PDB file of N, CA and C in Angstrom:
ATOM      1  N   UNK A   1       0.784  -1.182   0.014  1.00  0.00           N
ATOM      2  CA  UNK A   1       0.001   0.008   0.028  1.00  0.00           C
ATOM      3  C   UNK A   1       0.845   1.254   0.005  1.00  0.00           C
ATOM      4  N   UNK A   2       1.346   1.704   1.099  1.00  0.00           N
ATOM      5  CA  UNK A   2       2.106   2.986   1.174  1.00  0.00           C
ATOM      6  C   UNK A   2       3.569   2.717   1.397  1.00  0.00           C
ATOM      7  N   UNK A   3       4.397   3.385   0.645  1.00  0.00           N
ATOM      8  CA  UNK A   3       5.862   3.435   0.802  1.00  0.00           C
ATOM      9  C   UNK A   3       6.564   2.057   0.762  1.00  0.00           C
ATOM     10  N   UNK A   4       6.679   1.511  -0.371  1.00  0.00           N
ATOM     11  CA  UNK A   4       7.490   0.301  -0.546  1.00  0.00           C
ATOM     12  C   UNK A   4       8.880   0.716  -0.995  1.00  0.00           C
ATOM     13  N   UNK A   5       9.797   0.829  -0.059  1.00  0.00           N
ATOM     14  CA  UNK A   5      11.156   1.235  -0.423  1.00  0.00           C
ATOM     15  C   UNK A   5      11.956   0.038  -0.773  1.00  0.00           C
ATOM     16  N   UNK A   6      12.809   0.176  -1.792  1.00  0.00           N
ATOM     17  CA  UNK A   6      13.672  -0.929  -2.193  1.00  0.00           C
ATOM     18  C   UNK A   6      15.043  -0.422  -2.437  1.00  0.00           C
ATOM     19  N   UNK A   7      15.897  -1.273  -2.991  1.00  0.00           N
ATOM     20  CA  UNK A   7      17.281  -0.849  -3.214  1.00  0.00           C
ATOM     21  C   UNK A   7      17.450   0.105  -4.376  1.00  0.00           C
ATOM     22  N   UNK A   8      16.413   0.341  -5.154  1.00  0.00           N
ATOM     23  CA  UNK A   8      16.557   1.143  -6.377  1.00  0.00           C
ATOM     24  C   UNK A   8      16.162   2.627  -6.085  1.00  0.00           C
ATOM     25  N   UNK A   9      16.704   3.218  -5.045  1.00  0.00           N
ATOM     26  CA  UNK A   9      16.421   4.591  -4.756  1.00  0.00           C
ATOM     27  C   UNK A   9      17.215   5.467  -5.660  1.00  0.00           C
ATOM     28  N   UNK A  10      16.589   6.593  -6.038  1.00  0.00           N
ATOM     29  CA  UNK A  10      17.144   7.564  -6.951  1.00  0.00           C
ATOM     30  C   UNK A  10      17.199   8.898  -6.294  1.00  0.00           C
ATOM     31  N   UNK A  11      18.340   9.634  -6.406  1.00  0.00           N
ATOM     32  CA  UNK A  11      18.445  10.943  -5.809  1.00  0.00           C
ATOM     33  C   UNK A  11      17.765  11.960  -6.728  1.00  0.00           C
ATOM     34  N   UNK A  12      16.804  12.650  -6.257  1.00  0.00           N
ATOM     35  CA  UNK A  12      16.051  13.626  -7.026  1.00  0.00           C
ATOM     36  C   UNK A  12      16.677  14.977  -7.051  1.00  0.00           C
ATOM     37  N   UNK A  13      16.128  15.863  -7.795  1.00  0.00           N
ATOM     38  CA  UNK A  13      16.686  17.274  -7.954  1.00  0.00           C
ATOM     39  C   UNK A  13      16.629  18.007  -6.597  1.00  0.00           C
ATOM     40  N   UNK A  14      15.773  17.561  -5.737  1.00  0.00           N
ATOM     41  CA  UNK A  14      15.631  18.228  -4.385  1.00  0.00           C
ATOM     42  C   UNK A  14      16.665  17.669  -3.421  1.00  0.00           C
ATOM     43  N   UNK A  15      17.487  16.662  -3.888  1.00  0.00           N
ATOM     44  CA  UNK A  15      18.515  16.099  -2.987  1.00  0.00           C
ATOM     45  C   UNK A  15      17.986  14.916  -2.154  1.00  0.00           C
ATOM     46  N   UNK A  16      16.693  14.603  -2.251  1.00  0.00           N
ATOM     47  CA  UNK A  16      16.131  13.527  -1.484  1.00  0.00           C
ATOM     48  C   UNK A  16      16.154  12.265  -2.340  1.00  0.00           C
ATOM     49  N   UNK A  17      16.223  11.149  -1.645  1.00  0.00           N
ATOM     50  CA  UNK A  17      16.136   9.857  -2.359  1.00  0.00           C
ATOM     51  C   UNK A  17      14.708   9.394  -2.428  1.00  0.00           C
ATOM     52  N   UNK A  18      14.316   8.813  -3.545  1.00  0.00           N
ATOM     53  CA  UNK A  18      12.958   8.287  -3.659  1.00  0.00           C
ATOM     54  C   UNK A  18      12.988   7.034  -4.581  1.00  0.00           C
ATOM     55  N   UNK A  19      11.945   6.282  -4.540  1.00  0.00           N
ATOM     56  CA  UNK A  19      11.744   5.125  -5.353  1.00  0.00           C
ATOM     57  C   UNK A  19      10.904   5.548  -6.533  1.00  0.00           C
ATOM     58  N   UNK A  20      11.469   5.543  -7.770  1.00  0.00           N
ATOM     59  CA  UNK A  20      10.723   5.986  -8.948  1.00  0.00           C
ATOM     60  C   UNK A  20       9.517   5.078  -9.292  1.00  0.00           C
ATOM     61  N   UNK A  21       9.430   3.919  -8.607  1.00  0.00           N
ATOM     62  CA  UNK A  21       8.312   3.048  -8.941  1.00  0.00           C
ATOM     63  C   UNK A  21       7.046   3.395  -8.138  1.00  0.00           C
ATOM     64  N   UNK A  22       7.144   4.344  -7.213  1.00  0.00           N
ATOM     65  CA  UNK A  22       6.015   4.697  -6.357  1.00  0.00           C
ATOM     66  C   UNK A  22       5.350   5.956  -6.999  1.00  0.00           C
ATOM     67  N   UNK A  23       4.051   6.140  -6.614  1.00  0.00           N
ATOM     68  CA  UNK A  23       3.349   7.384  -6.985  1.00  0.00           C
ATOM     69  C   UNK A  23       3.341   8.317  -5.821  1.00  0.00           C
ATOM     70  N   UNK A  24       3.133   9.625  -6.062  1.00  0.00           N
ATOM     71  CA  UNK A  24       3.077  10.626  -5.042  1.00  0.00           C
ATOM     72  C   UNK A  24       1.700  11.214  -4.932  1.00  0.00           C
ATOM     73  N   UNK A  25       1.223  11.304  -3.709  1.00  0.00           N
ATOM     74  CA  UNK A  25      -0.100  11.912  -3.484  1.00  0.00           C
ATOM     75  C   UNK A  25       0.119  13.142  -2.638  1.00  0.00           C
ATOM     76  N   UNK A  26      -0.487  14.303  -3.045  1.00  0.00           N
ATOM     77  CA  UNK A  26      -0.414  15.583  -2.351  1.00  0.00           C
ATOM     78  C   UNK A  26      -1.861  15.848  -1.913  1.00  0.00           C
ATOM     79  N   UNK A  27      -2.026  16.217  -0.648  1.00  0.00           N
ATOM     80  CA  UNK A  27      -3.316  16.604  -0.114  1.00  0.00           C
ATOM     81  C   UNK A  27      -3.150  18.005   0.484  1.00  0.00           C
ATOM     82  N   UNK A  28      -3.968  18.972  -0.037  1.00  0.00           N
ATOM     83  CA  UNK A  28      -3.929  20.351   0.528  1.00  0.00           C
ATOM     84  C   UNK A  28      -5.236  20.606   1.246  1.00  0.00           C
ATOM     85  N   UNK A  29      -5.126  21.253   2.395  1.00  0.00           N
ATOM     86  CA  UNK A  29      -6.336  21.547   3.174  1.00  0.00           C
ATOM     87  C   UNK A  29      -6.534  23.079   3.189  1.00  0.00           C
ATOM     88  N   UNK A  30      -7.711  23.465   2.733  1.00  0.00           N
ATOM     89  CA  UNK A  30      -7.989  24.935   2.813  1.00  0.00           C
ATOM     90  C   UNK A  30      -8.088  25.403   4.209  1.00  0.00           C
ATOM     91  N   UNK A  31      -7.666  26.577   4.467  1.00  0.00           N
ATOM     92  CA  UNK A  31      -7.742  27.218   5.755  1.00  0.00           C
ATOM     93  C   UNK A  31      -9.258  27.468   6.124  1.00  0.00           C
ATOM     94  N   UNK A  32      -9.607  27.049   7.315  1.00  0.00           N
ATOM     95  CA  UNK A  32     -11.015  27.207   7.733  1.00  0.00           C
ATOM     96  C   UNK A  32     -11.113  27.565   9.211  1.00  0.00           C
ATOM     97  N   UNK A  33     -10.064  28.010   9.811  1.00  0.00           N
ATOM     98  CA  UNK A  33     -10.018  28.468  11.223  1.00  0.00           C
ATOM     99  C   UNK A  33     -10.384  27.276  12.167  1.00  0.00           C
ATOM    100  N   UNK A  34      -9.901  26.095  11.846  1.00  0.00           N
ATOM    101  CA  UNK A  34     -10.046  24.962  12.719  1.00  0.00           C
ATOM    102  C   UNK A  34      -8.695  24.471  13.132  1.00  0.00           C
ATOM    103  N   UNK A  35      -8.604  24.184  14.433  1.00  0.00           N
ATOM    104  CA  UNK A  35      -7.253  23.823  14.910  1.00  0.00           C
ATOM    105  C   UNK A  35      -6.997  22.294  14.849  1.00  0.00           C
ATOM    106  N   UNK A  36      -8.011  21.485  14.762  1.00  0.00           N
ATOM    107  CA  UNK A  36      -7.798  20.059  14.698  1.00  0.00           C
ATOM    108  C   UNK A  36      -7.168  19.595  13.358  1.00  0.00           C
ATOM    109  N   UNK A  37      -6.296  18.623  13.460  1.00  0.00           N
ATOM    110  CA  UNK A  37      -5.669  18.137  12.217  1.00  0.00           C
ATOM    111  C   UNK A  37      -6.540  16.994  11.616  1.00  0.00           C
ATOM    112  N   UNK A  38      -6.702  17.044  10.347  1.00  0.00           N
ATOM    113  CA  UNK A  38      -7.451  15.971   9.664  1.00  0.00           C
ATOM    114  C   UNK A  38      -6.558  14.769   9.421  1.00  0.00           C
ATOM    115  N   UNK A  39      -7.109  13.625   9.565  1.00  0.00           N
ATOM    116  CA  UNK A  39      -6.370  12.358   9.248  1.00  0.00           C
ATOM    117  C   UNK A  39      -6.584  12.036   7.819  1.00  0.00           C
ATOM    118  N   UNK A  40      -5.510  11.728   7.090  1.00  0.00           N
ATOM    119  CA  UNK A  40      -5.554  11.245   5.714  1.00  0.00           C
ATOM    120  C   UNK A  40      -5.520   9.751   5.764  1.00  0.00           C
ATOM    121  N   UNK A  41      -6.599   9.126   5.319  1.00  0.00           N
ATOM    122  CA  UNK A  41      -6.691   7.662   5.427  1.00  0.00           C
ATOM    123  C   UNK A  41      -6.673   7.044   3.992  1.00  0.00           C
ATOM    124  N   UNK A  42      -5.705   6.186   3.740  1.00  0.00           N
ATOM    125  CA  UNK A  42      -5.602   5.551   2.440  1.00  0.00           C
ATOM    126  C   UNK A  42      -5.757   4.073   2.646  1.00  0.00           C
ATOM    127  N   UNK A  43      -6.679   3.457   1.927  1.00  0.00           N
ATOM    128  CA  UNK A  43      -6.921   2.028   2.004  1.00  0.00           C
ATOM    129  C   UNK A  43      -7.206   1.565   3.426  1.00  0.00           C
ATOM    130  N   UNK A  44      -7.857   2.409   4.215  1.00  0.00           N
ATOM    131  CA  UNK A  44      -8.218   2.062   5.556  1.00  0.00           C
ATOM    132  C   UNK A  44      -7.162   2.323   6.665  1.00  0.00           C
ATOM    133  N   UNK A  45      -6.007   2.876   6.292  1.00  0.00           N
ATOM    134  CA  UNK A  45      -4.952   3.164   7.238  1.00  0.00           C
ATOM    135  C   UNK A  45      -4.590   4.632   7.242  1.00  0.00           C
ATOM    136  N   UNK A  46      -4.425   5.229   8.442  1.00  0.00           N
ATOM    137  CA  UNK A  46      -3.989   6.609   8.555  1.00  0.00           C
ATOM    138  C   UNK A  46      -2.576   6.734   8.120  1.00  0.00           C
ATOM    139  N   UNK A  47      -2.301   7.547   7.119  1.00  0.00           N
ATOM    140  CA  UNK A  47      -0.926   7.753   6.592  1.00  0.00           C
ATOM    141  C   UNK A  47      -0.329   9.100   6.896  1.00  0.00           C
ATOM    142  N   UNK A  48      -1.144  10.099   7.151  1.00  0.00           N
ATOM    143  CA  UNK A  48      -0.732  11.468   7.413  1.00  0.00           C
ATOM    144  C   UNK A  48      -1.768  12.205   8.185  1.00  0.00           C
ATOM    145  N   UNK A  49      -1.393  13.393   8.682  1.00  0.00           N
ATOM    146  CA  UNK A  49      -2.346  14.332   9.295  1.00  0.00           C
ATOM    147  C   UNK A  49      -2.032  15.702   8.658  1.00  0.00           C
ATOM    148  N   UNK A  50      -3.081  16.405   8.304  1.00  0.00           N
ATOM    149  CA  UNK A  50      -2.875  17.699   7.678  1.00  0.00           C
ATOM    150  C   UNK A  50      -3.580  18.799   8.471  1.00  0.00           C
ATOM    151  N   UNK A  51      -2.808  19.855   8.751  1.00  0.00           N
ATOM    152  CA  UNK A  51      -3.329  20.939   9.561  1.00  0.00           C
ATOM    153  C   UNK A  51      -4.037  21.971   8.701  1.00  0.00           C
ATOM    154  N   UNK A  52      -4.679  22.872   9.412  1.00  0.00           N
ATOM    155  CA  UNK A  52      -5.462  23.928   8.744  1.00  0.00           C
ATOM    156  C   UNK A  52      -4.583  24.765   7.888  1.00  0.00           C
ATOM    157  N   UNK A  53      -4.930  24.918   6.587  1.00  0.00           N
ATOM    158  CA  UNK A  53      -4.143  25.713   5.659  1.00  0.00           C
ATOM    159  C   UNK A  53      -2.820  25.144   5.230  1.00  0.00           C
ATOM    160  N   UNK A  54      -2.578  23.875   5.467  1.00  0.00           N
ATOM    161  CA  UNK A  54      -1.301  23.247   5.060  1.00  0.00           C
ATOM    162  C   UNK A  54      -1.533  22.129   4.064  1.00  0.00           C
ATOM    163  N   UNK A  55      -0.424  21.467   3.742  1.00  0.00           N
ATOM    164  CA  UNK A  55      -0.474  20.354   2.813  1.00  0.00           C
ATOM    165  C   UNK A  55       0.506  19.275   3.233  1.00  0.00           C
ATOM    166  N   UNK A  56       0.267  18.050   2.754  1.00  0.00           N
ATOM    167  CA  UNK A  56       1.157  16.948   3.005  1.00  0.00           C
ATOM    168  C   UNK A  56       1.320  16.177   1.683  1.00  0.00           C
ATOM    169  N   UNK A  57       2.429  15.432   1.563  1.00  0.00           N
ATOM    170  CA  UNK A  57       2.689  14.583   0.433  1.00  0.00           C
ATOM    171  C   UNK A  57       3.243  13.286   0.960  1.00  0.00           C
ATOM    172  N   UNK A  58       2.848  12.166   0.288  1.00  0.00           N
ATOM    173  CA  UNK A  58       3.323  10.839   0.653  1.00  0.00           C
ATOM    174  C   UNK A  58       3.339   9.937  -0.541  1.00  0.00           C
ATOM    175  N   UNK A  59       4.064   8.833  -0.415  1.00  0.00           N
ATOM    176  CA  UNK A  59       4.244   7.900  -1.528  1.00  0.00           C
ATOM    177  C   UNK A  59       3.287   6.730  -1.351  1.00  0.00           C
ATOM    178  N   UNK A  60       2.772   6.236  -2.470  1.00  0.00           N
ATOM    179  CA  UNK A  60       1.925   5.029  -2.471  1.00  0.00           C
ATOM    180  C   UNK A  60       2.367   4.099  -3.631  1.00  0.00           C
ATOM    181  N   UNK A  61       2.070   2.831  -3.482  1.00  0.00           N
ATOM    182  CA  UNK A  61       2.374   1.861  -4.544  1.00  0.00           C
ATOM    183  C   UNK A  61       1.453   2.168  -5.696  1.00  0.00           C
ATOM    184  N   UNK A  62       1.882   1.908  -6.936  1.00  0.00           N
ATOM    185  CA  UNK A  62       0.995   2.048  -8.090  1.00  0.00           C
ATOM    186  C   UNK A  62      -0.227   1.120  -7.919  1.00  0.00           C
ATOM    187  N   UNK A  63      -1.375   1.581  -8.490  1.00  0.00           N
ATOM    188  CA  UNK A  63      -2.587   0.794  -8.475  1.00  0.00           C
ATOM    189  C   UNK A  63      -3.763   1.652  -8.078  1.00  0.00           C
ATOM    190  N   UNK A  64      -4.841   0.890  -7.651  1.00  0.00           N
ATOM    191  CA  UNK A  64      -6.054   1.502  -7.256  1.00  0.00           C
ATOM    192  C   UNK A  64      -6.099   1.708  -5.733  1.00  0.00           C
ATOM    193  N   UNK A  65      -6.552   2.899  -5.313  1.00  0.00           N
ATOM    194  CA  UNK A  65      -6.599   3.247  -3.913  1.00  0.00           C
ATOM    195  C   UNK A  65      -7.883   3.931  -3.568  1.00  0.00           C
ATOM    196  N   UNK A  66      -8.259   3.890  -2.300  1.00  0.00           N
ATOM    197  CA  UNK A  66      -9.411   4.625  -1.784  1.00  0.00           C
ATOM    198  C   UNK A  66      -8.851   5.539  -0.656  1.00  0.00           C
ATOM    199  N   UNK A  67      -9.209   6.809  -0.732  1.00  0.00           N
ATOM    200  CA  UNK A  67      -8.711   7.743   0.261  1.00  0.00           C
ATOM    201  C   UNK A  67      -9.852   8.561   0.776  1.00  0.00           C
ATOM    202  N   UNK A  68      -9.798   8.868   2.115  1.00  0.00           N
ATOM    203  CA  UNK A  68     -10.772   9.735   2.726  1.00  0.00           C
ATOM    204  C   UNK A  68     -10.097  10.551   3.824  1.00  0.00           C
ATOM    205  N   UNK A  69     -10.846  11.560   4.290  1.00  0.00           N
ATOM    206  CA  UNK A  69     -10.360  12.424   5.353  1.00  0.00           C
ATOM    207  C   UNK A  69     -11.253  12.075   6.585  1.00  0.00           C
ATOM    208  N   UNK A  70     -10.536  11.907   7.726  1.00  0.00           N
ATOM    209  CA  UNK A  70     -11.267  11.674   9.007  1.00  0.00           C
ATOM    210  C   UNK A  70     -11.048  12.839   9.929  1.00  0.00           C
ATOM    211  N   UNK A  71     -12.136  13.252  10.561  1.00  0.00           N
ATOM    212  CA  UNK A  71     -12.128  14.324  11.556  1.00  0.00           C
ATOM    213  C   UNK A  71     -12.760  13.645  12.781  1.00  0.00           C
ATOM    214  N   UNK A  72     -12.483  14.127  13.924  1.00  0.00           N
ATOM    215  CA  UNK A  72     -12.838  13.459  15.192  1.00  0.00           C
ATOM    216  C   UNK A  72     -14.115  12.567  15.140  1.00  0.00           C
ATOM    217  N   UNK A  73     -15.240  13.091  14.711  1.00  0.00           N
ATOM    218  CA  UNK A  73     -16.476  12.312  14.754  1.00  0.00           C
ATOM    219  C   UNK A  73     -17.024  12.005  13.373  1.00  0.00           C
ATOM    220  N   UNK A  74     -16.444  12.482  12.332  1.00  0.00           N
ATOM    221  CA  UNK A  74     -16.967  12.342  11.009  1.00  0.00           C
ATOM    222  C   UNK A  74     -15.829  12.284   9.957  1.00  0.00           C
ATOM    223  N   UNK A  75     -16.175  12.323   8.711  1.00  0.00           N
ATOM    224  CA  UNK A  75     -15.121  12.285   7.657  1.00  0.00           C
ATOM    225  C   UNK A  75     -15.761  12.439   6.296  1.00  0.00           C
ATOM    226  N   UNK A  76     -14.938  12.463   5.292  1.00  0.00           N
ATOM    227  CA  UNK A  76     -15.396  12.552   3.935  1.00  0.00           C
ATOM    228  C   UNK A  76     -15.738  11.166   3.380  1.00  0.00           C
ATOM    229  N   UNK A  77     -16.565  11.183   2.315  1.00  0.00           N
ATOM    230  CA  UNK A  77     -16.756   9.866   1.600  1.00  0.00           C
ATOM    231  C   UNK A  77     -15.414   9.453   0.989  1.00  0.00           C
ATOM    232  N   UNK A  78     -15.263   8.212   0.671  1.00  0.00           N
ATOM    233  CA  UNK A  78     -14.050   7.669   0.072  1.00  0.00           C
ATOM    234  C   UNK A  78     -13.969   8.132  -1.419  1.00  0.00           C
ATOM    235  N   UNK A  79     -12.793   8.602  -1.769  1.00  0.00           N
ATOM    236  CA  UNK A  79     -12.488   8.966  -3.140  1.00  0.00           C
ATOM    237  C   UNK A  79     -11.551   7.936  -3.699  1.00  0.00           C
ATOM    238  N   UNK A  80     -11.945   7.311  -4.798  1.00  0.00           N
ATOM    239  CA  UNK A  80     -11.149   6.274  -5.418  1.00  0.00           C
ATOM    240  C   UNK A  80     -10.304   6.858  -6.551  1.00  0.00           C
ATOM    241  N   UNK A  81      -9.081   6.347  -6.674  1.00  0.00           N
ATOM    242  CA  UNK A  81      -8.191   6.873  -7.745  1.00  0.00           C
ATOM    243  C   UNK A  81      -7.193   5.782  -8.105  1.00  0.00           C
ATOM    244  N   UNK A  82      -6.696   5.915  -9.304  1.00  0.00           N
ATOM    245  CA  UNK A  82      -5.642   4.997  -9.826  1.00  0.00           C
ATOM    246  C   UNK A  82      -4.411   5.886 -10.002  1.00  0.00           C
ATOM    247  N   UNK A  83      -3.230   5.327  -9.655  1.00  0.00           N
ATOM    248  CA  UNK A  83      -1.978   6.042  -9.756  1.00  0.00           C
ATOM    249  C   UNK A  83      -0.926   5.055 -10.391  1.00  0.00           C
ATOM    250  N   UNK A  84      -0.033   5.581 -11.215  1.00  0.00           N
ATOM    251  CA  UNK A  84       0.985   4.800 -11.809  1.00  0.00           C
ATOM    252  C   UNK A  84       2.360   5.144 -11.268  1.00  0.00           C
ATOM    253  N   UNK A  85       3.377   4.344 -11.643  1.00  0.00           N
ATOM    254  CA  UNK A  85       4.733   4.617 -11.161  1.00  0.00           C
ATOM    255  C   UNK A  85       5.183   6.002 -11.558  1.00  0.00           C
ATOM    256  N   UNK A  86       5.734   6.772 -10.611  1.00  0.00           N
ATOM    257  CA  UNK A  86       6.232   8.104 -10.833  1.00  0.00           C
ATOM    258  C   UNK A  86       5.128   9.172 -11.043  1.00  0.00           C
ATOM    259  N   UNK A  87       3.876   8.792 -11.034  1.00  0.00           N
ATOM    260  CA  UNK A  87       2.784   9.717 -11.234  1.00  0.00           C
ATOM    261  C   UNK A  87       2.458  10.476  -9.949  1.00  0.00           C
ATOM    262  N   UNK A  88       1.879  11.663 -10.141  1.00  0.00           N
ATOM    263  CA  UNK A  88       1.532  12.541  -9.006  1.00  0.00           C
ATOM    264  C   UNK A  88       0.043  12.858  -9.089  1.00  0.00           C
ATOM    265  N   UNK A  89      -0.621  12.741  -8.000  1.00  0.00           N
ATOM    266  CA  UNK A  89      -2.064  13.089  -7.901  1.00  0.00           C
ATOM    267  C   UNK A  89      -2.248  14.172  -6.815  1.00  0.00           C
ATOM    268  N   UNK A  90      -3.132  15.111  -7.106  1.00  0.00           N
ATOM    269  CA  UNK A  90      -3.361  16.227  -6.188  1.00  0.00           C
ATOM    270  C   UNK A  90      -4.845  16.195  -5.678  1.00  0.00           C
ATOM    271  N   UNK A  91      -4.997  16.391  -4.385  1.00  0.00           N
ATOM    272  CA  UNK A  91      -6.333  16.428  -3.783  1.00  0.00           C
ATOM    273  C   UNK A  91      -6.464  17.652  -2.869  1.00  0.00           C
ATOM    274  N   UNK A  92      -7.749  18.090  -2.707  1.00  0.00           N
ATOM    275  CA  UNK A  92      -8.069  19.229  -1.929  1.00  0.00           C
ATOM    276  C   UNK A  92      -9.120  18.807  -0.914  1.00  0.00           C
ATOM    277  N   UNK A  93      -8.935  19.173   0.360  1.00  0.00           N
ATOM    278  CA  UNK A  93      -9.942  18.930   1.374  1.00  0.00           C
ATOM    279  C   UNK A  93     -10.342  20.203   2.064  1.00  0.00           C
ATOM    280  N   UNK A  94     -11.635  20.289   2.397  1.00  0.00           N
ATOM    281  CA  UNK A  94     -12.197  21.522   3.047  1.00  0.00           C
ATOM    282  C   UNK A  94     -13.524  21.126   3.709  1.00  0.00           C
ATOM    283  N   UNK A  95     -13.977  21.977   4.591  1.00  0.00           N
ATOM    284  CA  UNK A  95     -15.295  21.756   5.172  1.00  0.00           C
ATOM    285  C   UNK A  95     -16.363  21.694   4.042  1.00  0.00           C
ATOM    286  N   UNK A  96     -17.329  20.819   4.219  1.00  0.00           N
ATOM    287  CA  UNK A  96     -18.366  20.623   3.214  1.00  0.00           C
ATOM    288  C   UNK A  96     -19.271  21.845   3.086  1.00  0.00           C
ATOM    289  N   UNK A  97     -19.509  22.187   1.858  1.00  0.00           N
ATOM    290  CA  UNK A  97     -20.480  23.309   1.604  1.00  0.00           C
ATOM    291  C   UNK A  97     -21.620  22.811   0.763  1.00  0.00           C
ATOM    292  N   UNK A  98     -21.482  21.568   0.226  1.00  0.00           N
ATOM    293  CA  UNK A  98     -22.571  21.012  -0.637  1.00  0.00           C
ATOM    294  C   UNK A  98     -23.635  20.371   0.279  1.00  0.00           C
ATOM    295  N   UNK A  99     -24.899  20.639   0.014  1.00  0.00           N
ATOM    296  CA  UNK A  99     -26.002  20.116   0.836  1.00  0.00           C
ATOM    297  C   UNK A  99     -25.878  18.570   1.052  1.00  0.00           C
ATOM    298  N   UNK A 100     -25.581  17.827   0.047  1.00  0.00           N
ATOM    299  CA  UNK A 100     -25.543  16.376   0.210  1.00  0.00           C
ATOM    300  C   UNK A 100     -24.379  15.886   0.983  1.00  0.00           C
ATOM    301  N   UNK A 101     -23.353  16.701   1.138  1.00  0.00           N
ATOM    302  CA  UNK A 101     -22.124  16.261   1.827  1.00  0.00           C
ATOM    303  C   UNK A 101     -21.993  16.841   3.249  1.00  0.00           C
ATOM    304  N   UNK A 102     -22.937  17.749   3.618  1.00  0.00           N
ATOM    305  CA  UNK A 102     -22.801  18.393   4.930  1.00  0.00           C
ATOM    306  C   UNK A 102     -22.764  17.387   6.041  1.00  0.00           C
ATOM    307  N   UNK A 103     -23.454  16.309   5.975  1.00  0.00           N
ATOM    308  CA  UNK A 103     -23.508  15.378   7.075  1.00  0.00           C
ATOM    309  C   UNK A 103     -22.094  14.749   7.272  1.00  0.00           C
ATOM    310  N   UNK A 104     -21.252  14.754   6.244  1.00  0.00           N
ATOM    311  CA  UNK A 104     -19.906  14.239   6.396  1.00  0.00           C
ATOM    312  C   UNK A 104     -18.968  15.270   7.014  1.00  0.00           C
ATOM    313  N   UNK A 105     -19.248  16.543   6.974  1.00  0.00           N
ATOM    314  CA  UNK A 105     -18.465  17.569   7.570  1.00  0.00           C
ATOM    315  C   UNK A 105     -17.257  17.949   6.762  1.00  0.00           C
ATOM    316  N   UNK A 106     -16.715  17.080   5.940  1.00  0.00           N
ATOM    317  CA  UNK A 106     -15.513  17.362   5.182  1.00  0.00           C
ATOM    318  C   UNK A 106     -15.659  16.826   3.758  1.00  0.00           C
ATOM    319  N   UNK A 107     -15.149  17.560   2.811  1.00  0.00           N
ATOM    320  CA  UNK A 107     -15.183  17.195   1.408  1.00  0.00           C
ATOM    321  C   UNK A 107     -13.768  16.935   0.949  1.00  0.00           C
ATOM    322  N   UNK A 108     -13.554  15.891   0.177  1.00  0.00           N
ATOM    323  CA  UNK A 108     -12.227  15.558  -0.461  1.00  0.00           C
ATOM    324  C   UNK A 108     -12.483  15.423  -1.945  1.00  0.00           C
ATOM    325  N   UNK A 109     -11.693  16.069  -2.736  1.00  0.00           N
ATOM    326  CA  UNK A 109     -11.839  15.871  -4.223  1.00  0.00           C
ATOM    327  C   UNK A 109     -10.474  15.965  -4.841  1.00  0.00           C
ATOM    328  N   UNK A 110     -10.369  15.270  -6.016  1.00  0.00           N
ATOM    329  CA  UNK A 110      -9.150  15.312  -6.792  1.00  0.00           C
ATOM    330  C   UNK A 110      -9.193  16.564  -7.662  1.00  0.00           C
ATOM    331  N   UNK A 111      -8.009  17.252  -7.740  1.00  0.00           N
ATOM    332  CA  UNK A 111      -7.890  18.480  -8.517  1.00  0.00           C
ATOM    333  C   UNK A 111      -6.719  18.247  -9.515  1.00  0.00           C
ATOM    334  N   UNK A 112      -6.711  19.206 -10.515  1.00  0.00           N
ATOM    335  CA  UNK A 112      -5.579  19.157 -11.468  1.00  0.00           C
ATOM    336  C   UNK A 112      -4.447  20.047 -10.935  1.00  0.00           C
ATOM    337  N   UNK A 113      -3.255  19.822 -11.338  1.00  0.00           N
ATOM    338  CA  UNK A 113      -2.124  20.594 -10.953  1.00  0.00           C
ATOM    339  C   UNK A 113      -1.908  20.469  -9.409  1.00  0.00           C
ATOM    340  N   UNK A 114      -1.511  21.601  -8.757  1.00  0.00           N
ATOM    341  CA  UNK A 114      -1.327  21.568  -7.357  1.00  0.00           C
ATOM    342  C   UNK A 114      -2.564  22.031  -6.578  1.00  0.00           C
ATOM    343  N   UNK A 115      -3.673  22.347  -7.235  1.00  0.00           N
ATOM    344  CA  UNK A 115      -4.858  22.666  -6.573  1.00  0.00           C
ATOM    345  C   UNK A 115      -4.866  24.110  -6.019  1.00  0.00           C
ATOM    346  N   UNK A 116      -3.832  24.841  -6.316  1.00  0.00           N
ATOM    347  CA  UNK A 116      -3.675  26.185  -5.707  1.00  0.00           C
ATOM    348  C   UNK A 116      -4.771  27.170  -6.250  1.00  0.00           C
ATOM    349  N   UNK A 117      -5.321  26.874  -7.435  1.00  0.00           N
ATOM    350  CA  UNK A 117      -6.368  27.781  -8.023  1.00  0.00           C
ATOM    351  C   UNK A 117      -7.748  27.421  -7.562  1.00  0.00           C
ATOM    352  N   UNK A 118      -7.904  26.534  -6.679  1.00  0.00           N
ATOM    353  CA  UNK A 118      -9.206  26.043  -6.250  1.00  0.00           C
ATOM    354  C   UNK A 118      -9.566  26.658  -4.925  1.00  0.00           C
TER     355      UNK A 118
END
């Protein structure tokens, strides 16, 4: 599922070593004046926590995944996505504003690019 490191690590332009066979997932959280950190859950396991107005990035194995955001008592519906080796996917999470999603409290959606324009 998440971070399968092997002997074939490559030094990137940023000076960090990474496995080119993995995909990268970025999750950005819009600022909403909430102090609690949202849990980023991939395939049923918490892999990161994202604070108000910040973002996180993590590696996943190529393939099909389900991701959701968990907040103390609620969370977003699961968003399914496919990712390939070396591919990057961007997601945005924020408090729900859509009537059908308000009961979840949080909305997660895939965006293009880095999601900065959303």
